[in-house]
């Protein structure tokens, strides 16, 4: 069997999100749910800078083992007034005591837990059309007031 070249990662940028207190709909057949509104934020990178518009949401499912599955939808407005839609699914997991500390709003070293997402961008912008045609991954850190991500293009 032929081995293909290993994909490379190129930094797209860094994003910080501010969030509201979670709504807690409770246990559903899928898992324990949390819905967290994204109230704002910023994206900074080599190819564009953007403001995260208020109104996005993170629909979280908490598994029995405490692992969080994210389902996020946000809107970016670039500094040159283009609109970029961004969705991502992610996973945050680790030892239960670390997850408990994160849930209590503590500042936890990101080496103590696993937090990755796979962003998908969608835009009508001709300038940023290339975002529609790439695969992206990110690593994240949970902060007391929100989250921060480093987002990479898979080359």
C-alpha atoms as a PDB file:
ATOM      1  CA  UNK A   1       0.000   0.000   0.000  1.00  0.00           C
ATOM      2  CA  UNK A   2       1.307   3.454  -0.916  1.00  0.00           C
ATOM      3  CA  UNK A   3       2.020   5.898   1.903  1.00  0.00           C
ATOM      4  CA  UNK A   4       1.014   9.472   1.098  1.00  0.00           C
ATOM      5  CA  UNK A   5       2.804  12.568   2.396  1.00  0.00           C
ATOM      6  CA  UNK A   6       1.806  13.604   5.896  1.00  0.00           C
ATOM      7  CA  UNK A   7      -0.450  16.687   5.924  1.00  0.00           C
ATOM      8  CA  UNK A   8       1.111  19.886   7.208  1.00  0.00           C
ATOM      9  CA  UNK A   9      -0.526  22.622   9.273  1.00  0.00           C
ATOM     10  CA  UNK A  10      -0.293  26.354   8.604  1.00  0.00           C
ATOM     11  CA  UNK A  11      -1.514  28.848  11.190  1.00  0.00           C
ATOM     12  CA  UNK A  12      -4.639  30.663   9.977  1.00  0.00           C
ATOM     13  CA  UNK A  13      -5.065  32.746  13.111  1.00  0.00           C
ATOM     14  CA  UNK A  14      -6.126  33.063  16.717  1.00  0.00           C
ATOM     15  CA  UNK A  15      -9.675  33.574  17.935  1.00  0.00           C
ATOM     16  CA  UNK A  16     -11.057  34.534  21.320  1.00  0.00           C
ATOM     17  CA  UNK A  17     -14.750  34.277  22.160  1.00  0.00           C
ATOM     18  CA  UNK A  18     -16.643  35.816  25.042  1.00  0.00           C
ATOM     19  CA  UNK A  19     -19.672  33.890  26.225  1.00  0.00           C
ATOM     20  CA  UNK A  20     -22.755  34.347  28.413  1.00  0.00           C
ATOM     21  CA  UNK A  21     -23.767  32.116  31.299  1.00  0.00           C
ATOM     22  CA  UNK A  22     -25.055  28.754  30.061  1.00  0.00           C
ATOM     23  CA  UNK A  23     -28.686  27.801  29.720  1.00  0.00           C
ATOM     24  CA  UNK A  24     -29.092  24.328  31.207  1.00  0.00           C
ATOM     25  CA  UNK A  25     -31.950  22.435  29.521  1.00  0.00           C
ATOM     26  CA  UNK A  26     -30.900  19.303  31.425  1.00  0.00           C
ATOM     27  CA  UNK A  27     -30.698  15.634  30.548  1.00  0.00           C
ATOM     28  CA  UNK A  28     -32.113  14.683  27.147  1.00  0.00           C
ATOM     29  CA  UNK A  29     -31.999  11.294  25.401  1.00  0.00           C
ATOM     30  CA  UNK A  30     -28.728  12.430  23.756  1.00  0.00           C
ATOM     31  CA  UNK A  31     -26.994  13.616  26.938  1.00  0.00           C
ATOM     32  CA  UNK A  32     -26.863  16.514  29.379  1.00  0.00           C
ATOM     33  CA  UNK A  33     -27.259  19.743  27.425  1.00  0.00           C
ATOM     34  CA  UNK A  34     -25.804  23.237  27.852  1.00  0.00           C
ATOM     35  CA  UNK A  35     -26.504  26.093  25.477  1.00  0.00           C
ATOM     36  CA  UNK A  36     -24.021  28.948  25.669  1.00  0.00           C
ATOM     37  CA  UNK A  37     -24.513  32.194  23.754  1.00  0.00           C
ATOM     38  CA  UNK A  38     -21.436  33.710  22.110  1.00  0.00           C
ATOM     39  CA  UNK A  39     -21.541  37.416  22.960  1.00  0.00           C
ATOM     40  CA  UNK A  40     -18.555  38.568  20.885  1.00  0.00           C
ATOM     41  CA  UNK A  41     -14.882  38.150  20.253  1.00  0.00           C
ATOM     42  CA  UNK A  42     -12.130  38.646  17.716  1.00  0.00           C
ATOM     43  CA  UNK A  43     -10.172  36.739  15.113  1.00  0.00           C
ATOM     44  CA  UNK A  44      -6.617  37.799  14.220  1.00  0.00           C
ATOM     45  CA  UNK A  45      -4.506  36.247  11.503  1.00  0.00           C
ATOM     46  CA  UNK A  46      -2.168  36.818   8.594  1.00  0.00           C
ATOM     47  CA  UNK A  47      -4.942  36.672   5.975  1.00  0.00           C
ATOM     48  CA  UNK A  48      -7.720  38.565   7.761  1.00  0.00           C
ATOM     49  CA  UNK A  49      -8.831  40.100  11.035  1.00  0.00           C
ATOM     50  CA  UNK A  50     -12.447  39.999  12.124  1.00  0.00           C
ATOM     51  CA  UNK A  51     -14.920  40.764  14.852  1.00  0.00           C
ATOM     52  CA  UNK A  52     -17.098  37.937  16.132  1.00  0.00           C
ATOM     53  CA  UNK A  53     -20.643  39.270  15.979  1.00  0.00           C
ATOM     54  CA  UNK A  54     -22.928  38.674  18.972  1.00  0.00           C
ATOM     55  CA  UNK A  55     -25.634  36.048  18.584  1.00  0.00           C
ATOM     56  CA  UNK A  56     -23.788  32.811  17.952  1.00  0.00           C
ATOM     57  CA  UNK A  57     -24.415  29.722  20.037  1.00  0.00           C
ATOM     58  CA  UNK A  58     -22.573  26.681  21.347  1.00  0.00           C
ATOM     59  CA  UNK A  59     -24.931  23.718  21.779  1.00  0.00           C
ATOM     60  CA  UNK A  60     -22.992  21.447  24.094  1.00  0.00           C
ATOM     61  CA  UNK A  61     -23.655  17.814  24.868  1.00  0.00           C
ATOM     62  CA  UNK A  62     -22.016  16.504  28.030  1.00  0.00           C
ATOM     63  CA  UNK A  63     -21.417  12.758  27.924  1.00  0.00           C
ATOM     64  CA  UNK A  64     -21.663  10.508  30.982  1.00  0.00           C
ATOM     65  CA  UNK A  65     -17.860  10.620  31.383  1.00  0.00           C
ATOM     66  CA  UNK A  66     -17.873  14.456  31.437  1.00  0.00           C
ATOM     67  CA  UNK A  67     -16.568  14.831  27.876  1.00  0.00           C
ATOM     68  CA  UNK A  68     -18.032  17.868  26.117  1.00  0.00           C
ATOM     69  CA  UNK A  69     -19.077  17.740  22.459  1.00  0.00           C
ATOM     70  CA  UNK A  70     -19.447  21.200  20.940  1.00  0.00           C
ATOM     71  CA  UNK A  71     -21.707  22.304  18.088  1.00  0.00           C
ATOM     72  CA  UNK A  72     -20.951  25.987  17.448  1.00  0.00           C
ATOM     73  CA  UNK A  73     -22.209  28.539  14.927  1.00  0.00           C
ATOM     74  CA  UNK A  74     -20.818  32.082  14.804  1.00  0.00           C
ATOM     75  CA  UNK A  75     -20.544  34.985  12.353  1.00  0.00           C
ATOM     76  CA  UNK A  76     -17.335  36.873  11.628  1.00  0.00           C
ATOM     77  CA  UNK A  77     -17.220  40.351  10.112  1.00  0.00           C
ATOM     78  CA  UNK A  78     -13.803  41.098   8.631  1.00  0.00           C
ATOM     79  CA  UNK A  79     -12.080  44.463   8.970  1.00  0.00           C
ATOM     80  CA  UNK A  80     -12.899  45.015   5.275  1.00  0.00           C
ATOM     81  CA  UNK A  81     -16.629  44.367   5.914  1.00  0.00           C
ATOM     82  CA  UNK A  82     -16.942  40.845   4.539  1.00  0.00           C
ATOM     83  CA  UNK A  83     -19.123  38.269   6.305  1.00  0.00           C
ATOM     84  CA  UNK A  84     -17.758  34.796   7.058  1.00  0.00           C
ATOM     85  CA  UNK A  85     -19.919  32.114   8.640  1.00  0.00           C
ATOM     86  CA  UNK A  86     -18.048  29.703  10.882  1.00  0.00           C
ATOM     87  CA  UNK A  87     -19.253  26.432  12.343  1.00  0.00           C
ATOM     88  CA  UNK A  88     -17.318  23.864  14.252  1.00  0.00           C
ATOM     89  CA  UNK A  89     -17.701  20.662  16.159  1.00  0.00           C
ATOM     90  CA  UNK A  90     -15.259  19.969  18.903  1.00  0.00           C
ATOM     91  CA  UNK A  91     -14.363  17.785  21.835  1.00  0.00           C
ATOM     92  CA  UNK A  92     -13.049  18.706  25.271  1.00  0.00           C
ATOM     93  CA  UNK A  93     -12.102  15.863  27.572  1.00  0.00           C
ATOM     94  CA  UNK A  94      -9.712  14.879  30.303  1.00  0.00           C
ATOM     95  CA  UNK A  95      -9.600  13.527  33.835  1.00  0.00           C
ATOM     96  CA  UNK A  96     -12.851  14.206  35.714  1.00  0.00           C
ATOM     97  CA  UNK A  97     -11.140  16.384  38.332  1.00  0.00           C
ATOM     98  CA  UNK A  98      -9.729  18.606  35.556  1.00  0.00           C
ATOM     99  CA  UNK A  99     -13.127  18.850  33.826  1.00  0.00           C
ATOM    100  CA  UNK A 100     -14.675  19.802  37.184  1.00  0.00           C
ATOM    101  CA  UNK A 101     -12.111  22.585  37.614  1.00  0.00           C
ATOM    102  CA  UNK A 102     -12.906  23.884  34.116  1.00  0.00           C
ATOM    103  CA  UNK A 103     -16.640  23.834  34.893  1.00  0.00           C
ATOM    104  CA  UNK A 104     -15.959  25.860  38.048  1.00  0.00           C
ATOM    105  CA  UNK A 105     -14.284  28.563  35.945  1.00  0.00           C
ATOM    106  CA  UNK A 106     -10.729  27.866  37.053  1.00  0.00           C
ATOM    107  CA  UNK A 107      -7.783  28.738  34.842  1.00  0.00           C
ATOM    108  CA  UNK A 108      -6.453  25.248  33.925  1.00  0.00           C
ATOM    109  CA  UNK A 109      -3.228  24.498  32.042  1.00  0.00           C
ATOM    110  CA  UNK A 110      -4.264  23.307  28.527  1.00  0.00           C
ATOM    111  CA  UNK A 111      -1.723  20.472  28.811  1.00  0.00           C
ATOM    112  CA  UNK A 112      -4.055  18.880  31.397  1.00  0.00           C
ATOM    113  CA  UNK A 113      -6.925  18.271  28.953  1.00  0.00           C
ATOM    114  CA  UNK A 114      -7.685  17.630  25.281  1.00  0.00           C
ATOM    115  CA  UNK A 115      -9.593  20.389  23.423  1.00  0.00           C
ATOM    116  CA  UNK A 116      -9.757  20.261  19.613  1.00  0.00           C
ATOM    117  CA  UNK A 117     -12.242  21.430  16.970  1.00  0.00           C
ATOM    118  CA  UNK A 118     -12.734  21.220  13.221  1.00  0.00           C
ATOM    119  CA  UNK A 119     -13.870  24.623  11.925  1.00  0.00           C
ATOM    120  CA  UNK A 120     -15.738  24.991   8.639  1.00  0.00           C
ATOM    121  CA  UNK A 121     -15.962  28.403   6.975  1.00  0.00           C
ATOM    122  CA  UNK A 122     -18.635  29.565   4.533  1.00  0.00           C
ATOM    123  CA  UNK A 123     -18.664  32.893   2.742  1.00  0.00           C
ATOM    124  CA  UNK A 124     -20.092  34.620  -0.334  1.00  0.00           C
ATOM    125  CA  UNK A 125     -17.024  36.877  -0.408  1.00  0.00           C
ATOM    126  CA  UNK A 126     -14.885  36.536  -3.533  1.00  0.00           C
ATOM    127  CA  UNK A 127     -11.831  37.703  -1.579  1.00  0.00           C
ATOM    128  CA  UNK A 128     -12.213  34.959   1.040  1.00  0.00           C
ATOM    129  CA  UNK A 129     -13.762  32.285  -1.185  1.00  0.00           C
ATOM    130  CA  UNK A 130     -10.722  30.051  -0.617  1.00  0.00           C
ATOM    131  CA  UNK A 131     -11.965  29.480   2.974  1.00  0.00           C
ATOM    132  CA  UNK A 132     -14.882  27.500   1.495  1.00  0.00           C
ATOM    133  CA  UNK A 133     -12.412  25.005   0.019  1.00  0.00           C
ATOM    134  CA  UNK A 134     -10.069  24.073   2.847  1.00  0.00           C
ATOM    135  CA  UNK A 135      -9.984  21.806   5.894  1.00  0.00           C
ATOM    136  CA  UNK A 136      -9.181  23.412   9.257  1.00  0.00           C
ATOM    137  CA  UNK A 137      -8.361  22.144  12.752  1.00  0.00           C
ATOM    138  CA  UNK A 138      -7.816  23.991  15.990  1.00  0.00           C
ATOM    139  CA  UNK A 139      -6.667  23.559  19.530  1.00  0.00           C
ATOM    140  CA  UNK A 140      -8.429  25.408  22.284  1.00  0.00           C
ATOM    141  CA  UNK A 141      -8.212  26.559  25.858  1.00  0.00           C
ATOM    142  CA  UNK A 142     -11.119  27.243  28.185  1.00  0.00           C
ATOM    143  CA  UNK A 143     -10.718  30.544  29.984  1.00  0.00           C
ATOM    144  CA  UNK A 144     -12.814  31.750  32.929  1.00  0.00           C
ATOM    145  CA  UNK A 145     -14.513  34.330  30.679  1.00  0.00           C
ATOM    146  CA  UNK A 146     -14.615  32.431  27.379  1.00  0.00           C
ATOM    147  CA  UNK A 147     -12.477  30.354  25.047  1.00  0.00           C
ATOM    148  CA  UNK A 148      -9.416  30.876  22.886  1.00  0.00           C
ATOM    149  CA  UNK A 149      -8.412  28.931  19.773  1.00  0.00           C
ATOM    150  CA  UNK A 150      -5.423  28.642  17.467  1.00  0.00           C
ATOM    151  CA  UNK A 151      -6.801  27.647  14.047  1.00  0.00           C
ATOM    152  CA  UNK A 152      -4.752  25.892  11.379  1.00  0.00           C
ATOM    153  CA  UNK A 153      -5.244  25.161   7.690  1.00  0.00           C
ATOM    154  CA  UNK A 154      -4.491  21.559   6.768  1.00  0.00           C
ATOM    155  CA  UNK A 155      -2.091  21.697   3.794  1.00  0.00           C
END
